Amino acid sequence: MPTDPTSAAADEQPFTPAPGPLTQAPPHDATPTVAEAAAGPGGSDASGSVASESTPPESTSPAPSPPQPTPPAPSSAASPSAAPAPVSKPTGPRKPDLRFMLTHPCHIVSLGFGSGLSRIAPGTAGTLFAWAAFVVLNRYLTVLDWGLLIIGGFFAGIWITSFTAKKLRTDDPSSIVWDEVVAFWLVLLMVTPVTFAGQAWAFVLFRFFDMVKPPPIRYFDRHLKGGFGIMFDDLVAAFFTLLVIALWRMSI
């Protein structure tokens, strides 16, 4: 098929684009930058990485931490190094009991071998014990033995009763009846021989003077302290008991 020379010539002519805004030259230099050259034909990612590597990281100051709560100060009780609190000593009179009496031999003697533990009239109970002990021991002891026992019991009782009174935290506890025991032994020794009725009257008189404490017994009871004061006022009560018995015997 014959070819049209006009169309062939038109096909051979080069294409020249019409001038327009798309064919204008770029205003800047067409030479690629180092970042563009490194990025390559497709490289927005490479340029981004290069830019990020070449750009120094911004210095950011750390955020201030929230204030921590102040721990409570350890108490003195919880601290192992704290000094222990002083132990307060008990105050006020102590009530004696059987356990207390058995803790020391002096307490046994002072409390009249348990008769002073009576809740009702311990002085009277102690005097009854002295009466019963005299009846039993009088079968074996002579007058001289009784004299030595009474004198020794008085002077030993000064220290013994004082020791027990300090443990009971009072000057003259009613439960201490050794003074009644020694004093009534003296009364019974001085009135013997006597009938049971005579001993009973001696008991009543002695308890009257020991409980009522008429002058001068009350004076000695208030002004003499310690073991000597405990023992001496009952000795004075025994003296007045014997004085009344002697006057009664003289009157009949």
C-alpha atoms as a PDB file:
ATOM      1  CA  MET A   1       0.000   0.000   0.000  1.00  0.00           C
ATOM      2  CA  PRO A   2       1.532   3.368  -1.032  1.00  0.00           C
ATOM      3  CA  THR A   3       2.480   5.672   1.870  1.00  0.00           C
ATOM      4  CA  ASP A   4       1.382   9.260   1.970  1.00  0.00           C
ATOM      5  CA  PRO A   5       4.500  11.359   1.885  1.00  0.00           C
ATOM      6  CA  THR A   6       2.841  14.211   3.725  1.00  0.00           C
ATOM      7  CA  SER A   7       1.898  12.131   6.739  1.00  0.00           C
ATOM      8  CA  ALA A   8       5.287  10.526   6.776  1.00  0.00           C
ATOM      9  CA  ALA A   9       6.977  13.876   6.873  1.00  0.00           C
ATOM     10  CA  ALA A  10       4.693  14.964   9.617  1.00  0.00           C
ATOM     11  CA  ASP A  11       5.590  11.921  11.667  1.00  0.00           C
ATOM     12  CA  GLU A  12       9.294  12.526  11.244  1.00  0.00           C
ATOM     13  CA  GLN A  13       9.178  16.098  12.521  1.00  0.00           C
ATOM     14  CA  PRO A  14      10.195  16.411  16.191  1.00  0.00           C
ATOM     15  CA  PHE A  15       7.620  17.396  18.843  1.00  0.00           C
ATOM     16  CA  THR A  16       8.145  20.818  20.263  1.00  0.00           C
ATOM     17  CA  PRO A  17       5.961  21.597  23.247  1.00  0.00           C
ATOM     18  CA  ALA A  18       4.158  24.891  23.219  1.00  0.00           C
ATOM     19  CA  PRO A  19       5.402  27.454  25.635  1.00  0.00           C
ATOM     20  CA  GLY A  20       3.307  27.660  28.786  1.00  0.00           C
ATOM     21  CA  PRO A  21       3.472  27.711  32.571  1.00  0.00           C
ATOM     22  CA  LEU A  22       4.332  23.987  32.760  1.00  0.00           C
ATOM     23  CA  THR A  23       7.403  24.325  30.564  1.00  0.00           C
ATOM     24  CA  GLN A  24       8.957  27.245  32.394  1.00  0.00           C
ATOM     25  CA  ALA A  25      12.365  26.652  33.857  1.00  0.00           C
ATOM     26  CA  PRO A  26      12.600  26.401  37.620  1.00  0.00           C
ATOM     27  CA  PRO A  27      13.715  29.576  39.285  1.00  0.00           C
ATOM     28  CA  HIS A  28      16.417  27.839  41.298  1.00  0.00           C
ATOM     29  CA  ASP A  29      19.486  25.971  40.275  1.00  0.00           C
ATOM     30  CA  ALA A  30      18.677  22.568  38.858  1.00  0.00           C
ATOM     31  CA  THR A  31      21.719  21.050  40.462  1.00  0.00           C
ATOM     32  CA  PRO A  32      20.505  18.528  43.032  1.00  0.00           C
ATOM     33  CA  THR A  33      21.502  18.997  46.611  1.00  0.00           C
ATOM     34  CA  VAL A  34      23.401  16.469  48.605  1.00  0.00           C
ATOM     35  CA  ALA A  35      20.238  15.408  50.385  1.00  0.00           C
ATOM     36  CA  GLU A  36      18.412  14.939  47.063  1.00  0.00           C
ATOM     37  CA  ALA A  37      21.272  13.015  45.575  1.00  0.00           C
ATOM     38  CA  ALA A  38      21.404  10.729  48.534  1.00  0.00           C
ATOM     39  CA  ALA A  39      17.667  10.278  48.461  1.00  0.00           C
ATOM     40  CA  GLY A  40      17.685   8.880  44.919  1.00  0.00           C
ATOM     41  CA  PRO A  41      14.744   8.767  42.642  1.00  0.00           C
ATOM     42  CA  GLY A  42      12.203   7.797  45.083  1.00  0.00           C
ATOM     43  CA  GLY A  43      13.505   8.920  48.224  1.00  0.00           C
ATOM     44  CA  SER A  44      11.435  10.917  50.559  1.00  0.00           C
ATOM     45  CA  ASP A  45      12.248   8.333  53.255  1.00  0.00           C
ATOM     46  CA  ALA A  46      15.976   8.568  52.735  1.00  0.00           C
ATOM     47  CA  SER A  47      15.956  12.331  52.817  1.00  0.00           C
ATOM     48  CA  GLY A  48      13.905  12.196  55.949  1.00  0.00           C
ATOM     49  CA  SER A  49      16.365   9.856  57.585  1.00  0.00           C
ATOM     50  CA  VAL A  50      19.329  11.954  56.544  1.00  0.00           C
ATOM     51  CA  ALA A  51      17.626  15.060  57.793  1.00  0.00           C
ATOM     52  CA  SER A  52      16.820  13.418  61.044  1.00  0.00           C
ATOM     53  CA  GLU A  53      20.391  12.196  61.409  1.00  0.00           C
ATOM     54  CA  SER A  54      21.920  15.552  60.551  1.00  0.00           C
ATOM     55  CA  THR A  55      19.543  17.479  62.819  1.00  0.00           C
ATOM     56  CA  PRO A  56      20.685  17.354  66.473  1.00  0.00           C
ATOM     57  CA  PRO A  57      17.983  16.249  68.942  1.00  0.00           C
ATOM     58  CA  GLU A  58      16.379  18.951  70.896  1.00  0.00           C
ATOM     59  CA  SER A  59      17.419  19.061  74.546  1.00  0.00           C
ATOM     60  CA  THR A  60      14.373  18.485  76.715  1.00  0.00           C
ATOM     61  CA  SER A  61      14.482  19.005  80.470  1.00  0.00           C
ATOM     62  CA  PRO A  62      12.932  16.179  82.515  1.00  0.00           C
ATOM     63  CA  ALA A  63       9.516  16.836  83.939  1.00  0.00           C
ATOM     64  CA  PRO A  64       9.621  17.668  87.671  1.00  0.00           C
ATOM     65  CA  SER A  65       8.647  14.677  89.816  1.00  0.00           C
ATOM     66  CA  PRO A  66       5.660  15.124  92.103  1.00  0.00           C
ATOM     67  CA  PRO A  67       6.550  15.879  95.725  1.00  0.00           C
ATOM     68  CA  GLN A  68       6.876  12.750  97.816  1.00  0.00           C
ATOM     69  CA  PRO A  69       4.915  12.618 101.083  1.00  0.00           C
ATOM     70  CA  THR A  70       7.091  13.045 104.146  1.00  0.00           C
ATOM     71  CA  PRO A  71       7.138   9.809 106.183  1.00  0.00           C
ATOM     72  CA  PRO A  72       5.903  10.209 109.744  1.00  0.00           C
ATOM     73  CA  ALA A  73       8.532  10.413 112.425  1.00  0.00           C
ATOM     74  CA  PRO A  74       8.923   7.098 114.248  1.00  0.00           C
ATOM     75  CA  SER A  75       7.447   7.106 117.675  1.00  0.00           C
ATOM     76  CA  SER A  76       9.602   6.459 120.699  1.00  0.00           C
ATOM     77  CA  ALA A  77       7.689   3.259 121.427  1.00  0.00           C
ATOM     78  CA  ALA A  78       8.331   1.806 117.952  1.00  0.00           C
ATOM     79  CA  SER A  79      11.995   2.815 117.732  1.00  0.00           C
ATOM     80  CA  PRO A  80      14.270  -0.009 118.899  1.00  0.00           C
ATOM     81  CA  SER A  81      16.936   2.434 120.000  1.00  0.00           C
ATOM     82  CA  ALA A  82      14.553   4.502 122.125  1.00  0.00           C
ATOM     83  CA  ALA A  83      15.000   4.256 125.868  1.00  0.00           C
ATOM     84  CA  PRO A  84      12.266   2.251 127.622  1.00  0.00           C
ATOM     85  CA  ALA A  85       9.744   4.182 129.621  1.00  0.00           C
ATOM     86  CA  PRO A  86      10.444   4.155 133.350  1.00  0.00           C
ATOM     87  CA  VAL A  87       8.350   1.693 135.277  1.00  0.00           C
ATOM     88  CA  SER A  88       6.288   3.450 137.868  1.00  0.00           C
ATOM     89  CA  LYS A  89       6.463   1.999 141.339  1.00  0.00           C
ATOM     90  CA  PRO A  90       3.204   1.030 142.991  1.00  0.00           C
ATOM     91  CA  THR A  91       1.913   3.445 145.565  1.00  0.00           C
ATOM     92  CA  GLY A  92      -0.543   3.109 148.437  1.00  0.00           C
ATOM     93  CA  PRO A  93      -0.870   0.441 151.122  1.00  0.00           C
ATOM     94  CA  ARG A  94      -0.624  -3.167 150.042  1.00  0.00           C
ATOM     95  CA  LYS A  95      -3.162  -5.667 151.280  1.00  0.00           C
ATOM     96  CA  PRO A  96      -1.395  -8.763 152.626  1.00  0.00           C
ATOM     97  CA  ASP A  97      -2.451 -12.252 151.670  1.00  0.00           C
ATOM     98  CA  LEU A  98      -1.176 -15.782 152.081  1.00  0.00           C
ATOM     99  CA  ARG A  99       1.202 -15.480 149.120  1.00  0.00           C
ATOM    100  CA  PHE A 100       2.720 -12.328 150.574  1.00  0.00           C
ATOM    101  CA  MET A 101       3.135 -13.926 154.007  1.00  0.00           C
ATOM    102  CA  LEU A 102       4.993 -16.919 152.557  1.00  0.00           C
ATOM    103  CA  THR A 103       7.485 -14.803 150.618  1.00  0.00           C
ATOM    104  CA  HIS A 104       9.629 -14.152 153.715  1.00  0.00           C
ATOM    105  CA  PRO A 105       9.950 -15.646 157.223  1.00  0.00           C
ATOM    106  CA  CYS A 106       9.703 -12.179 158.763  1.00  0.00           C
ATOM    107  CA  HIS A 107       6.236 -11.786 157.266  1.00  0.00           C
ATOM    108  CA  ILE A 108       5.138 -15.044 158.853  1.00  0.00           C
ATOM    109  CA  VAL A 109       6.181 -13.818 162.284  1.00  0.00           C
ATOM    110  CA  SER A 110       4.856 -10.276 161.796  1.00  0.00           C
ATOM    111  CA  LEU A 111       1.464 -11.532 160.642  1.00  0.00           C
ATOM    112  CA  GLY A 112       1.139 -13.799 163.687  1.00  0.00           C
ATOM    113  CA  PHE A 113       1.594 -17.005 161.680  1.00  0.00           C
ATOM    114  CA  GLY A 114      -1.458 -16.113 159.588  1.00  0.00           C
ATOM    115  CA  SER A 115      -3.735 -14.741 162.304  1.00  0.00           C
ATOM    116  CA  GLY A 116      -3.129 -11.194 161.077  1.00  0.00           C
ATOM    117  CA  LEU A 117      -4.651 -12.091 157.710  1.00  0.00           C
ATOM    118  CA  SER A 118      -8.109 -12.115 159.295  1.00  0.00           C
ATOM    119  CA  ARG A 119     -10.465  -9.740 157.493  1.00  0.00           C
ATOM    120  CA  ILE A 120     -12.321  -9.007 160.741  1.00  0.00           C
ATOM    121  CA  ALA A 121     -10.393  -7.504 163.669  1.00  0.00           C
ATOM    122  CA  PRO A 122      -6.911  -8.826 162.875  1.00  0.00           C
ATOM    123  CA  GLY A 123      -5.591  -7.464 166.200  1.00  0.00           C
ATOM    124  CA  THR A 124      -8.156  -9.483 168.116  1.00  0.00           C
ATOM    125  CA  ALA A 125      -7.341 -12.561 166.027  1.00  0.00           C
ATOM    126  CA  GLY A 126      -3.654 -12.100 166.804  1.00  0.00           C
ATOM    127  CA  THR A 127      -4.382 -11.801 170.534  1.00  0.00           C
ATOM    128  CA  LEU A 128      -6.452 -15.006 170.412  1.00  0.00           C
ATOM    129  CA  PHE A 129      -3.534 -16.736 168.713  1.00  0.00           C
ATOM    130  CA  ALA A 130      -1.216 -15.500 171.490  1.00  0.00           C
ATOM    131  CA  TRP A 131      -3.624 -16.844 174.094  1.00  0.00           C
ATOM    132  CA  ALA A 132      -3.813 -20.294 172.448  1.00  0.00           C
ATOM    133  CA  ALA A 133      -0.027 -20.415 171.963  1.00  0.00           C
ATOM    134  CA  PHE A 134       0.543 -19.528 175.617  1.00  0.00           C
ATOM    135  CA  VAL A 135      -1.737 -22.337 176.799  1.00  0.00           C
ATOM    136  CA  VAL A 136       0.177 -24.853 174.652  1.00  0.00           C
ATOM    137  CA  LEU A 137       3.732 -23.625 175.332  1.00  0.00           C
ATOM    138  CA  ASN A 138       3.208 -23.028 179.038  1.00  0.00           C
ATOM    139  CA  ARG A 139       3.358 -26.801 179.553  1.00  0.00           C
ATOM    140  CA  TYR A 140       6.969 -26.862 178.367  1.00  0.00           C
ATOM    141  CA  LEU A 141       8.430 -23.453 179.222  1.00  0.00           C
ATOM    142  CA  THR A 142       9.480 -22.142 182.620  1.00  0.00           C
ATOM    143  CA  VAL A 143       9.087 -18.563 183.794  1.00  0.00           C
ATOM    144  CA  LEU A 144      12.691 -17.886 182.822  1.00  0.00           C
ATOM    145  CA  ASP A 145      12.076 -19.326 179.357  1.00  0.00           C
ATOM    146  CA  TRP A 146       9.023 -17.130 178.972  1.00  0.00           C
ATOM    147  CA  GLY A 147      11.005 -14.087 180.069  1.00  0.00           C
ATOM    148  CA  LEU A 148      13.726 -14.752 177.497  1.00  0.00           C
ATOM    149  CA  LEU A 149      11.147 -15.430 174.805  1.00  0.00           C
ATOM    150  CA  ILE A 150       9.234 -12.207 175.513  1.00  0.00           C
ATOM    151  CA  ILE A 151      12.343 -10.012 175.725  1.00  0.00           C
ATOM    152  CA  GLY A 152      13.857 -11.555 172.590  1.00  0.00           C
ATOM    153  CA  GLY A 153      10.537 -11.362 170.767  1.00  0.00           C
ATOM    154  CA  PHE A 154      10.223  -7.661 171.592  1.00  0.00           C
ATOM    155  CA  PHE A 155      13.658  -6.590 170.350  1.00  0.00           C
ATOM    156  CA  ALA A 156      13.591  -8.893 167.334  1.00  0.00           C
ATOM    157  CA  GLY A 157      10.086  -7.658 166.584  1.00  0.00           C
ATOM    158  CA  ILE A 158      11.358  -4.097 166.188  1.00  0.00           C
ATOM    159  CA  TRP A 159      13.253  -5.074 163.049  1.00  0.00           C
ATOM    160  CA  ILE A 160      10.852  -7.793 161.884  1.00  0.00           C
ATOM    161  CA  THR A 161       7.724  -5.629 161.997  1.00  0.00           C
ATOM    162  CA  SER A 162       9.552  -2.688 160.456  1.00  0.00           C
ATOM    163  CA  PHE A 163      10.620  -4.853 157.513  1.00  0.00           C
ATOM    164  CA  THR A 164       7.088  -6.104 156.899  1.00  0.00           C
ATOM    165  CA  ALA A 165       5.580  -2.630 157.296  1.00  0.00           C
ATOM    166  CA  LYS A 166       7.879  -1.297 154.574  1.00  0.00           C
ATOM    167  CA  LYS A 167       6.793  -4.070 152.228  1.00  0.00           C
ATOM    168  CA  LEU A 168       3.163  -3.222 152.980  1.00  0.00           C
ATOM    169  CA  ARG A 169       3.910   0.466 152.336  1.00  0.00           C
ATOM    170  CA  THR A 170       2.355   1.749 155.570  1.00  0.00           C
ATOM    171  CA  ASP A 171       3.637   2.761 159.013  1.00  0.00           C
ATOM    172  CA  ASP A 172       1.592   0.473 161.283  1.00  0.00           C
ATOM    173  CA  PRO A 173      -0.535  -2.041 159.351  1.00  0.00           C
ATOM    174  CA  SER A 174      -3.334  -3.644 161.322  1.00  0.00           C
ATOM    175  CA  SER A 175      -2.337  -7.012 159.883  1.00  0.00           C
ATOM    176  CA  ILE A 176       0.958  -6.907 161.814  1.00  0.00           C
ATOM    177  CA  VAL A 177       0.015  -8.584 165.102  1.00  0.00           C
ATOM    178  CA  TRP A 178       3.356  -9.723 166.482  1.00  0.00           C
ATOM    179  CA  ASP A 179       3.218  -6.747 168.858  1.00  0.00           C
ATOM    180  CA  GLU A 180      -0.102  -8.022 170.250  1.00  0.00           C
ATOM    181  CA  VAL A 181       1.317 -11.523 170.603  1.00  0.00           C
ATOM    182  CA  VAL A 182       4.365 -10.468 172.623  1.00  0.00           C
ATOM    183  CA  ALA A 183       2.435  -7.979 174.766  1.00  0.00           C
ATOM    184  CA  PHE A 184      -0.341 -10.437 175.651  1.00  0.00           C
ATOM    185  CA  TRP A 185       2.213 -13.134 176.471  1.00  0.00           C
ATOM    186  CA  LEU A 186       3.602 -10.695 179.025  1.00  0.00           C
ATOM    187  CA  VAL A 187       0.121 -10.134 180.495  1.00  0.00           C
ATOM    188  CA  LEU A 188      -0.609 -13.864 180.799  1.00  0.00           C
ATOM    189  CA  LEU A 189       2.806 -14.553 182.298  1.00  0.00           C
ATOM    190  CA  MET A 190       2.295 -11.904 184.997  1.00  0.00           C
ATOM    191  CA  VAL A 191      -1.247 -13.023 185.966  1.00  0.00           C
ATOM    192  CA  THR A 192      -0.487 -16.743 186.013  1.00  0.00           C
ATOM    193  CA  PRO A 193      -1.605 -18.753 187.886  1.00  0.00           C
ATOM    194  CA  VAL A 194      -5.137 -17.729 187.083  1.00  0.00           C
ATOM    195  CA  THR A 195      -8.345 -19.419 186.031  1.00  0.00           C
ATOM    196  CA  PHE A 196      -9.750 -19.418 182.528  1.00  0.00           C
ATOM    197  CA  ALA A 197     -12.141 -16.628 183.566  1.00  0.00           C
ATOM    198  CA  GLY A 198      -9.196 -14.581 184.802  1.00  0.00           C
ATOM    199  CA  GLN A 199      -7.424 -15.040 181.461  1.00  0.00           C
ATOM    200  CA  ALA A 200     -10.621 -14.021 179.653  1.00  0.00           C
ATOM    201  CA  TRP A 201     -10.841 -10.788 181.675  1.00  0.00           C
ATOM    202  CA  ALA A 202      -7.193 -10.107 180.926  1.00  0.00           C
ATOM    203  CA  PHE A 203      -7.979 -10.602 177.238  1.00  0.00           C
ATOM    204  CA  VAL A 204     -10.881  -8.120 177.363  1.00  0.00           C
ATOM    205  CA  LEU A 205      -8.862  -5.469 179.214  1.00  0.00           C
ATOM    206  CA  PHE A 206      -5.898  -5.770 176.887  1.00  0.00           C
ATOM    207  CA  ARG A 207      -8.056  -5.459 173.786  1.00  0.00           C
ATOM    208  CA  PHE A 208      -9.763  -2.406 175.278  1.00  0.00           C
ATOM    209  CA  PHE A 209      -6.510  -0.550 175.869  1.00  0.00           C
ATOM    210  CA  ASP A 210      -5.058  -1.641 172.518  1.00  0.00           C
ATOM    211  CA  MET A 211      -8.109  -0.563 170.512  1.00  0.00           C
ATOM    212  CA  VAL A 212      -9.209   2.589 172.342  1.00  0.00           C
ATOM    213  CA  LYS A 213      -5.636   3.730 173.054  1.00  0.00           C
ATOM    214  CA  PRO A 214      -6.358   6.168 175.898  1.00  0.00           C
ATOM    215  CA  PRO A 215      -3.598   8.619 176.844  1.00  0.00           C
ATOM    216  CA  PRO A 216      -0.681   8.162 176.981  1.00  0.00           C
ATOM    217  CA  ILE A 217      -0.977   5.121 174.660  1.00  0.00           C
ATOM    218  CA  ARG A 218      -2.343   7.314 171.867  1.00  0.00           C
ATOM    219  CA  TYR A 219       0.584   9.698 172.230  1.00  0.00           C
ATOM    220  CA  PHE A 220       3.121   6.910 171.759  1.00  0.00           C
ATOM    221  CA  ASP A 221       1.128   5.472 168.868  1.00  0.00           C
ATOM    222  CA  ARG A 222       1.168   8.798 166.990  1.00  0.00           C
ATOM    223  CA  HIS A 223       4.718   9.968 167.723  1.00  0.00           C
ATOM    224  CA  LEU A 224       6.731   6.756 167.698  1.00  0.00           C
ATOM    225  CA  LYS A 225       7.249   5.400 164.208  1.00  0.00           C
ATOM    226  CA  GLY A 226       8.905   2.361 162.707  1.00  0.00           C
ATOM    227  CA  GLY A 227       9.267  -1.025 164.331  1.00  0.00           C
ATOM    228  CA  PHE A 228       9.852   0.416 167.777  1.00  0.00           C
ATOM    229  CA  GLY A 229       6.620   2.402 167.616  1.00  0.00           C
ATOM    230  CA  ILE A 230       4.718  -0.697 166.479  1.00  0.00           C
ATOM    231  CA  MET A 231       5.978  -2.753 169.425  1.00  0.00           C
ATOM    232  CA  PHE A 232       6.047  -0.108 172.150  1.00  0.00           C
ATOM    233  CA  ASP A 233       2.412   1.065 172.175  1.00  0.00           C
ATOM    234  CA  ASP A 234       1.187  -2.509 172.748  1.00  0.00           C
ATOM    235  CA  LEU A 235       3.695  -2.868 175.539  1.00  0.00           C
ATOM    236  CA  VAL A 236       2.142   0.208 177.161  1.00  0.00           C
ATOM    237  CA  ALA A 237      -1.326  -1.349 176.662  1.00  0.00           C
ATOM    238  CA  ALA A 238      -0.070  -4.461 178.457  1.00  0.00           C
ATOM    239  CA  PHE A 239       1.221  -2.291 181.305  1.00  0.00           C
ATOM    240  CA  PHE A 240      -2.199  -0.645 181.807  1.00  0.00           C
ATOM    241  CA  THR A 241      -3.901  -4.057 181.639  1.00  0.00           C
ATOM    242  CA  LEU A 242      -1.669  -5.366 184.419  1.00  0.00           C
ATOM    243  CA  LEU A 243      -2.210  -2.156 186.405  1.00  0.00           C
ATOM    244  CA  VAL A 244      -5.998  -2.596 186.342  1.00  0.00           C
ATOM    245  CA  ILE A 245      -5.728  -6.283 187.269  1.00  0.00           C
ATOM    246  CA  ALA A 246      -3.391  -5.447 190.160  1.00  0.00           C
ATOM    247  CA  LEU A 247      -5.759  -2.749 191.443  1.00  0.00           C
ATOM    248  CA  TRP A 248      -8.723  -5.126 191.204  1.00  0.00           C
ATOM    249  CA  ARG A 249      -6.882  -7.810 193.159  1.00  0.00           C
ATOM    250  CA  MET A 250      -5.951  -5.311 195.836  1.00  0.00           C
ATOM    251  CA  SER A 251      -9.576  -4.210 196.183  1.00  0.00           C
ATOM    252  CA  ILE A 252     -11.008  -7.657 196.928  1.00  0.00           C
END
